Amino acid sequence: MTFSKNESLSRDELQAWQLKHLKETLLRVYHLVPFYKKKFDEHGVLPQDITSLEDLSKLPFTKKKDLRDNYPFGMFSVDMDQIVRIHSSSGTTGKPTVVGYTEHDMDIWAEVMGRAFSMGGVTCQDIMQNSHGYGLFTGGLGFHNAAERMKIAVIPSSTGFTSRQLLLLKDFGATVLTATPSFALHMAEVAKAEGYDIQKDFKLRVGFFGAEPTSEGLKNEIAHIWGIDYHEIYGLSEIIGPGVACNCKHSNLLHIHEDHFYPEIIDPKTGEVLPEGQRGELVITTLTKQGLPIIRYRTGDITSLTRVPCRCGRTIGRIESIVGRSDDMLLINGVNVFPSQIEHVLSKQEGITLNYQIIADKKGYLDKLEI
C-alpha cells in the first residue's frame, strides 16, 4: 500500500509533474535568490531555456561551499517571516550550512517521512522510540513531527543514556525504533550486558536507521539481533533532512521521492550525467521546496539509480544504499574501491571486529591495500 498517489504515477505522469515543478522552481530561484541569478547569467542559461528534464544538465551545480559562502540566509527564497524552522549542520569543517523551512516545506517533509513509515507498515497503533538526536540536527525532529502527524505515539528519547533508553523501550513497549545503526548496535551490546533477553523483553518489530554509511552485513546483524525489519532512511539536511529515500519490504534499494527531489547520477570527475544503472555521484534538485530550493546539489554520495518499477507497486525511482563518498574512493590498480565494500567483506568473517584501518601503499609498480 502506498502513502501517496504520486508514488505510483505512470512515468509520463511523473515526468510531467517534475517538469512543471522544475520550471516553477527555476523561476523562483532566478528571481528570488541572487546567487542563482548570478550563476545562471554566468552560464548563459535562463529559466525559460529549460524546456525538458534533460535540459537540466545545462545548469551549473550547487555545492556545499556555495551554501557556506552565503551563510546564513543568503540561499533562502522567502522572507524570514515565512520561515518557521531553522536547522543547520554542525559546521565542524567550516561555517555550518543553514536550512530554512516554510510551513509548506514542513508539510512536504512530513509527507515523505510518512511514506517511509508506510513502507515499514507503521500505523497509529505503533509506539515509536525516537533515538535520533534532537536540536539543530534534522534527524530527531524529522522523525518526530511526521510520526505525530500520523498519530503515532512518540517517545522522544533522543540519543545517549543507553540504560535509560532500554528501560523505556521495555516498559513502554515500543514497536518501532529509529536510531543510527551504530547506536542500535551499542544498545544491543548494553542490553546483553545488563541481562536483557532482547528477543523476549522488547516488542520491537521494525526499525528505521540512517545518518551513517552501513554495510549490508551490519544491517543484517542489526535486524537479526533485534528481530526486526530493517529500513534504511536516506536524507541530507540541505535537501530536507531524513526522508529523501527509503527502502520498502520488497527491496534493499531505496525509493527516492522523485516528485519532490529530482535525481541525477554524474561522473564525479567530469560532471557528465551517467546512464541509468551506472554508479556515480548523486545530484539532487528540489522541485517543491520554498525556503531553500536547491538546484543540482552535489551530494558527494556514490550510488546508482534505477527507474524499473518495484514489486511493491511504486514507480518512483530507486537508488542503491550509499556505497561511499566521492572523496573517500580509492583507486587500486585501476579498480574503484570504497571502504564500505571492505566492511561488507569483513562483516562476513567470523571472529573479526569491524574496527579496522585501511592503508593504501605501493609495492613496485602495483598498488597495495593493507587492512
Protein backbone atom coordinates (compact mmCIF):
# COMPACT_ATOMS: atom_id res chain seq x y z
CA MET A 1 0.00 0.00 0.00
CA THR A 2 1.35 3.43 -0.93
CA PHE A 3 1.02 6.56 1.21
CA SER A 4 0.60 8.96 -1.73
CA LYS A 5 -0.75 8.53 -5.26
CA ASN A 6 2.39 10.25 -6.56
CA GLU A 7 4.42 7.18 -5.57
CA SER A 8 2.74 5.13 -8.29
CA LEU A 9 2.21 7.57 -11.16
CA SER A 10 2.99 6.39 -14.66
CA ARG A 11 6.39 7.54 -15.88
CA ASP A 12 4.74 10.03 -18.28
CA GLU A 13 2.59 11.46 -15.48
CA LEU A 14 5.56 11.72 -13.14
CA GLN A 15 7.76 13.43 -15.73
CA ALA A 16 5.01 15.95 -16.49
CA TRP A 17 4.77 16.70 -12.75
CA GLN A 18 8.55 17.01 -12.48
CA LEU A 19 8.90 19.36 -15.45
CA LYS A 20 6.07 21.61 -14.26
CA HIS A 21 7.57 21.97 -10.79
CA LEU A 22 11.11 22.26 -12.12
CA LYS A 23 10.14 25.24 -14.26
CA GLU A 24 8.41 26.87 -11.28
CA THR A 25 11.45 26.28 -9.07
CA LEU A 26 13.86 27.71 -11.64
CA LEU A 27 11.81 30.88 -11.93
CA ARG A 28 11.68 31.10 -8.13
CA VAL A 29 15.43 30.84 -7.60
CA TYR A 30 16.34 33.08 -10.55
CA HIS A 31 14.18 35.95 -9.34
CA LEU A 32 14.46 35.48 -5.57
CA VAL A 33 17.95 34.11 -4.88
CA PRO A 34 20.76 36.44 -6.10
CA PHE A 35 23.27 33.57 -6.02
CA TYR A 36 21.31 31.64 -8.66
CA LYS A 37 20.63 34.66 -10.87
CA LYS A 38 24.37 35.39 -10.97
CA LYS A 39 25.21 31.71 -11.54
CA PHE A 40 22.68 31.24 -14.35
CA ASP A 41 23.71 34.50 -16.04
CA GLU A 42 27.37 33.48 -15.92
CA HIS A 43 26.49 30.21 -17.67
CA GLY A 44 24.27 31.97 -20.21
CA VAL A 45 21.18 29.99 -19.22
CA LEU A 46 17.76 31.41 -18.36
CA PRO A 47 14.90 29.52 -16.68
CA GLN A 48 12.88 29.61 -19.91
CA ASP A 49 15.73 27.78 -21.70
CA ILE A 50 14.89 24.66 -19.70
CA THR A 51 12.07 23.02 -21.65
CA SER A 52 12.73 19.37 -20.80
CA LEU A 53 14.11 17.36 -17.89
CA GLU A 54 17.17 16.58 -20.00
CA ASP A 55 17.88 20.32 -20.23
CA LEU A 56 18.63 20.32 -16.51
CA SER A 57 22.19 19.28 -17.35
CA LYS A 58 22.71 22.74 -18.89
CA LEU A 59 22.55 24.28 -15.44
CA PRO A 60 25.53 24.64 -13.08
CA PHE A 61 25.93 22.56 -9.95
CA THR A 62 25.39 23.79 -6.41
CA LYS A 63 27.98 22.71 -3.84
CA LYS A 64 28.14 22.77 -0.05
CA LYS A 65 30.68 25.60 -0.33
CA ASP A 66 28.03 27.74 -2.02
CA LEU A 67 25.75 27.37 0.99
CA ARG A 68 28.60 28.25 3.34
CA ASP A 69 29.62 31.25 1.25
CA ASN A 70 26.04 32.55 1.51
CA TYR A 71 25.78 31.93 5.26
CA PRO A 72 23.41 32.24 6.96
CA PHE A 73 20.29 33.06 4.93
CA GLY A 74 21.60 34.07 1.51
CA MET A 75 20.20 30.99 -0.25
CA PHE A 76 16.65 31.41 1.09
CA SER A 77 13.97 32.31 -1.47
CA VAL A 78 11.47 33.71 1.04
CA ASP A 79 11.48 36.45 3.66
CA MET A 80 12.22 35.39 7.22
CA ASP A 81 8.62 35.98 8.29
CA GLN A 82 7.72 32.90 6.21
CA ILE A 83 10.37 30.68 7.82
CA VAL A 84 9.01 28.55 10.67
CA ARG A 85 12.02 26.30 11.34
CA ILE A 86 15.80 26.61 11.01
CA HIS A 87 18.20 23.67 11.07
CA SER A 88 21.92 23.62 10.39
CA SER A 89 24.90 21.31 10.14
CA SER A 90 27.50 21.18 12.89
CA GLY A 91 29.97 23.24 10.90
CA THR A 92 32.92 21.21 12.16
CA THR A 93 34.85 21.83 8.93
CA GLY A 94 33.82 25.46 8.41
CA LYS A 95 30.70 27.58 8.59
CA PRO A 96 27.56 25.47 9.06
CA THR A 97 25.08 25.03 6.25
CA VAL A 98 21.76 26.58 7.23
CA VAL A 99 18.37 25.27 6.11
CA GLY A 100 15.11 27.18 6.43
CA TYR A 101 11.63 25.65 6.22
CA THR A 102 8.29 27.25 5.44
CA GLU A 103 5.03 25.67 6.58
CA HIS A 104 4.77 24.22 3.07
CA ASP A 105 8.23 22.67 3.42
CA MET A 106 7.27 21.16 6.77
CA ASP A 107 4.23 19.58 5.11
CA ILE A 108 6.43 18.05 2.40
CA TRP A 109 8.88 16.76 5.00
CA ALA A 110 6.09 15.13 6.97
CA GLU A 111 4.67 13.59 3.80
CA VAL A 112 7.90 11.96 2.61
CA MET A 113 8.60 10.67 6.11
CA GLY A 114 5.04 9.36 6.22
CA ARG A 115 5.75 7.46 3.01
CA ALA A 116 8.77 5.88 4.71
CA PHE A 117 6.73 4.83 7.72
CA SER A 118 4.15 3.36 5.36
CA MET A 119 6.89 1.30 3.68
CA GLY A 120 7.60 -0.22 7.08
CA GLY A 121 3.94 -0.90 7.80
CA VAL A 122 3.83 1.59 10.67
CA THR A 123 0.37 2.75 11.79
CA CYS A 124 -1.22 4.75 14.60
CA GLN A 125 -1.29 1.51 16.62
CA ASP A 126 2.51 1.64 16.95
CA ILE A 127 4.73 3.23 19.58
CA MET A 128 7.92 4.78 18.21
CA GLN A 129 11.06 5.28 20.28
CA ASN A 130 12.95 8.07 18.54
CA SER A 131 16.62 7.71 19.47
CA HIS A 132 17.91 10.24 16.96
CA GLY A 133 19.40 13.45 18.29
CA TYR A 134 17.10 16.45 18.66
CA GLY A 135 18.16 20.04 18.05
CA LEU A 136 19.78 21.63 15.01
CA PHE A 137 20.40 18.14 13.58
CA THR A 138 17.41 17.26 11.38
CA GLY A 139 17.16 13.61 12.44
CA GLY A 140 15.19 13.72 15.68
CA LEU A 141 12.60 16.33 14.76
CA GLY A 142 12.25 15.00 11.22
CA PHE A 143 11.06 11.65 12.55
CA HIS A 144 9.12 13.16 15.44
CA ASN A 145 6.95 15.63 13.55
CA ALA A 146 5.97 13.14 10.85
CA ALA A 147 5.09 10.47 13.40
CA GLU A 148 2.88 12.85 15.34
CA ARG A 149 1.03 13.84 12.18
CA MET A 150 0.35 10.14 11.55
CA LYS A 151 -1.00 9.86 15.13
CA ILE A 152 1.89 7.55 16.08
CA ALA A 153 2.81 7.72 19.77
CA VAL A 154 6.38 9.03 20.00
CA ILE A 155 8.85 8.51 22.83
CA PRO A 156 11.31 11.41 22.32
CA SER A 157 14.21 9.64 23.99
CA SER A 158 16.88 11.24 21.79
CA THR A 159 20.34 9.68 21.84
CA GLY A 160 22.62 8.65 24.71
CA PHE A 161 21.67 7.44 28.23
CA THR A 162 21.56 3.89 26.91
CA SER A 163 20.43 2.15 30.11
CA ARG A 164 17.54 4.58 30.39
CA GLN A 165 16.70 4.02 26.72
CA LEU A 166 16.47 0.27 27.27
CA LEU A 167 14.24 0.75 30.31
CA LEU A 168 11.87 2.93 28.27
CA LEU A 169 12.00 0.52 25.36
CA LYS A 170 10.88 -2.34 27.60
CA ASP A 171 8.44 -0.59 29.93
CA PHE A 172 6.68 1.47 27.24
CA GLY A 173 6.50 -1.42 24.78
CA ALA A 174 7.87 0.44 21.76
CA THR A 175 7.29 -1.39 18.48
CA VAL A 176 9.33 0.95 16.27
CA LEU A 177 12.90 2.13 16.80
CA THR A 178 14.61 4.99 14.99
CA ALA A 179 18.34 5.46 15.50
CA THR A 180 21.71 5.50 13.85
CA PRO A 181 22.95 1.97 13.06
CA SER A 182 25.90 2.36 15.42
CA PHE A 183 23.64 3.36 18.32
CA ALA A 184 21.31 0.42 17.63
CA LEU A 185 24.31 -1.93 17.89
CA HIS A 186 25.51 -0.17 21.05
CA MET A 187 22.06 -0.51 22.61
CA ALA A 188 22.13 -4.24 21.86
CA GLU A 189 25.56 -4.62 23.50
CA VAL A 190 24.41 -2.80 26.63
CA ALA A 191 21.16 -4.78 26.71
CA LYS A 192 23.09 -8.05 26.74
CA ALA A 193 25.50 -6.76 29.40
CA GLU A 194 22.56 -5.73 31.60
CA GLY A 195 20.90 -9.12 31.31
CA TYR A 196 18.06 -8.37 28.93
CA ASP A 197 16.74 -11.09 26.65
CA ILE A 198 16.47 -8.95 23.54
CA GLN A 199 14.04 -11.20 21.70
CA LYS A 200 11.71 -11.59 24.70
CA ASP A 201 11.97 -8.39 26.72
CA PHE A 202 11.28 -5.97 23.88
CA LYS A 203 8.37 -5.66 21.45
CA LEU A 204 10.22 -4.08 18.53
CA ARG A 205 9.16 -5.24 15.07
CA VAL A 206 10.58 -2.58 12.74
CA GLY A 207 13.41 -0.07 12.74
CA PHE A 208 14.37 2.96 10.64
CA PHE A 209 18.07 3.71 10.52
CA GLY A 210 20.19 6.32 8.79
CA ALA A 211 22.72 9.16 9.05
CA GLU A 212 25.64 6.72 8.67
CA PRO A 213 27.00 4.60 5.81
CA THR A 214 26.29 0.97 6.71
CA SER A 215 27.27 -2.27 5.03
CA GLU A 216 24.72 -4.97 4.21
CA GLY A 217 26.44 -7.16 6.80
CA LEU A 218 25.81 -4.66 9.59
CA LYS A 219 22.21 -4.11 8.50
CA ASN A 220 21.59 -7.84 8.65
CA GLU A 221 23.27 -8.04 12.05
CA ILE A 222 21.05 -5.29 13.48
CA ALA A 223 17.93 -6.91 12.03
CA HIS A 224 18.93 -10.30 13.46
CA ILE A 225 19.90 -9.09 16.94
CA TRP A 226 16.73 -7.07 17.45
CA GLY A 227 14.43 -9.38 15.48
CA ILE A 228 13.12 -6.53 13.33
CA ASP A 229 12.58 -5.45 9.74
CA TYR A 230 15.40 -3.06 8.86
CA HIS A 231 14.53 0.03 6.82
CA GLU A 232 17.19 2.44 5.67
CA ILE A 233 16.37 6.14 5.57
CA TYR A 234 18.48 8.43 3.38
CA GLY A 235 18.50 12.18 3.56
CA LEU A 236 20.51 15.38 3.69
CA SER A 237 19.80 18.50 5.68
CA GLU A 238 20.48 20.62 2.61
CA ILE A 239 17.72 18.83 0.70
CA ILE A 240 15.18 18.41 3.52
CA GLY A 241 16.60 16.06 6.16
CA PRO A 242 15.73 12.38 6.59
CA GLY A 243 13.09 11.16 4.15
CA VAL A 244 14.66 11.73 0.75
CA ALA A 245 14.62 7.96 0.15
CA CYS A 246 13.73 4.75 1.98
CA ASN A 247 13.51 1.06 1.12
CA CYS A 248 10.26 -0.90 1.17
CA LYS A 249 9.81 -4.52 2.28
CA HIS A 250 10.37 -5.86 -1.23
CA SER A 251 13.81 -4.46 -1.97
CA ASN A 252 17.06 -3.25 -0.44
CA LEU A 253 17.03 -0.39 -2.95
CA LEU A 254 15.73 2.90 -1.62
CA HIS A 255 12.71 4.56 -3.20
CA ILE A 256 13.67 8.18 -3.89
CA HIS A 257 10.74 10.59 -3.85
CA GLU A 258 11.21 11.88 -7.38
CA ASP A 259 8.15 14.10 -7.27
CA HIS A 260 9.96 16.27 -4.72
CA PHE A 261 13.65 15.52 -5.32
CA TYR A 262 14.83 15.07 -8.90
CA PRO A 263 17.86 12.74 -9.00
CA GLU A 264 20.76 12.60 -11.44
CA ILE A 265 23.86 10.40 -11.34
CA ILE A 266 27.03 12.06 -12.60
CA ASP A 267 30.65 11.16 -13.13
CA PRO A 268 32.23 12.83 -10.07
CA LYS A 269 35.31 13.80 -12.08
CA THR A 270 33.77 15.12 -15.31
CA GLY A 271 30.30 16.15 -14.15
CA GLU A 272 28.75 14.27 -17.09
CA VAL A 273 25.32 12.72 -16.48
CA LEU A 274 25.62 8.92 -16.43
CA PRO A 275 23.09 6.44 -17.82
CA GLU A 276 20.63 4.68 -15.56
CA GLY A 277 22.17 1.82 -13.62
CA GLN A 278 25.70 3.19 -13.67
CA ARG A 279 27.33 4.12 -10.39
CA GLY A 280 28.35 7.72 -9.77
CA GLU A 281 27.69 10.78 -7.61
CA LEU A 282 24.10 11.58 -6.68
CA VAL A 283 22.92 15.07 -7.63
CA ILE A 284 19.54 16.32 -6.41
CA THR A 285 17.31 19.21 -7.46
CA THR A 286 14.41 20.09 -5.17
CA LEU A 287 11.14 20.52 -7.06
CA THR A 288 8.69 21.71 -4.42
CA LYS A 289 10.63 23.43 -1.63
CA GLN A 290 10.17 27.11 -0.84
CA GLY A 291 12.55 28.07 1.96
CA LEU A 292 15.74 26.62 0.49
CA PRO A 293 15.15 25.44 -3.07
CA ILE A 294 18.37 23.98 -4.41
CA ILE A 295 19.45 23.26 -7.98
CA ARG A 296 21.69 20.33 -8.95
CA TYR A 297 23.16 19.84 -5.50
CA ARG A 298 26.25 17.66 -5.48
CA THR A 299 25.71 15.36 -2.52
CA GLY A 300 29.12 13.69 -2.73
CA ASP A 301 27.35 10.34 -2.20
CA ILE A 302 28.13 7.47 -4.57
CA THR A 303 25.18 5.35 -5.68
CA SER A 304 23.26 4.20 -8.76
CA LEU A 305 19.70 4.82 -9.93
CA THR A 306 17.08 2.58 -11.49
CA ARG A 307 13.58 3.53 -12.59
CA VAL A 308 12.35 -0.04 -13.04
CA PRO A 309 9.07 -0.26 -11.07
CA CYS A 310 9.25 -2.15 -7.78
CA ARG A 311 7.17 -5.20 -6.84
CA CYS A 312 5.52 -3.07 -4.16
CA GLY A 313 3.73 -1.09 -6.89
CA ARG A 314 5.73 2.11 -6.52
CA THR A 315 7.00 3.55 -9.80
CA ILE A 316 9.31 6.22 -8.38
CA GLY A 317 13.00 5.57 -8.94
CA ARG A 318 15.25 3.67 -6.55
CA ILE A 319 18.84 4.22 -5.51
CA GLU A 320 21.20 1.67 -4.02
CA SER A 321 22.50 2.19 -0.49
CA ILE A 322 25.25 4.77 -0.50
CA VAL A 323 28.46 2.96 -1.43
CA GLY A 324 30.74 5.74 -0.23
CA ARG A 325 31.68 9.34 -0.70
CA SER A 326 33.20 10.72 -3.87
CA ASP A 327 36.10 11.93 -1.73
CA ASP A 328 36.82 8.58 0.01
CA MET A 329 37.09 6.41 -3.11
CA LEU A 330 40.39 4.58 -3.55
CA LEU A 331 41.78 3.67 -6.95
CA ILE A 332 43.65 0.38 -6.53
CA ASN A 333 45.31 -0.94 -9.67
CA GLY A 334 42.62 0.66 -11.80
CA VAL A 335 39.71 -0.57 -9.67
CA ASN A 336 37.48 1.76 -7.64
CA VAL A 337 37.37 0.57 -4.02
CA PHE A 338 35.21 2.03 -1.25
CA PRO A 339 35.66 1.42 2.50
CA SER A 340 32.04 0.22 2.69
CA GLN A 341 32.85 -2.64 0.32
CA ILE A 342 35.72 -3.73 2.55
CA GLU A 343 33.46 -3.54 5.60
CA HIS A 344 30.89 -5.73 3.86
CA VAL A 345 33.51 -8.44 3.29
CA LEU A 346 34.86 -8.19 6.83
CA SER A 347 31.38 -8.46 8.33
CA LYS A 348 31.03 -11.93 6.81
CA GLN A 349 34.17 -13.23 8.56
CA GLU A 350 33.75 -14.86 11.96
CA GLY A 351 35.91 -13.60 14.81
CA ILE A 352 36.72 -10.26 13.18
CA THR A 353 35.60 -6.97 14.68
CA LEU A 354 34.72 -4.03 12.48
CA ASN A 355 37.36 -1.76 13.98
CA TYR A 356 39.84 -1.59 11.15
CA GLN A 357 42.25 0.65 9.27
CA ILE A 358 42.87 0.79 5.53
CA ILE A 359 46.42 1.56 4.40
CA ALA A 360 46.95 2.25 0.70
CA ASP A 361 50.57 1.97 -0.45
CA LYS A 362 52.66 0.91 -3.43
CA LYS A 363 54.85 -2.14 -3.93
CA GLY A 364 56.93 -1.56 -7.01
CA TYR A 365 54.57 -0.51 -9.79
CA LEU A 366 51.49 -2.04 -8.16
CA ASP A 367 49.11 -0.55 -5.63
CA LYS A 368 48.95 -2.35 -2.29
CA LEU A 369 45.99 -2.31 0.09
CA GLU A 370 46.53 -3.40 3.68
CA ILE A 371 43.66 -3.92 6.13
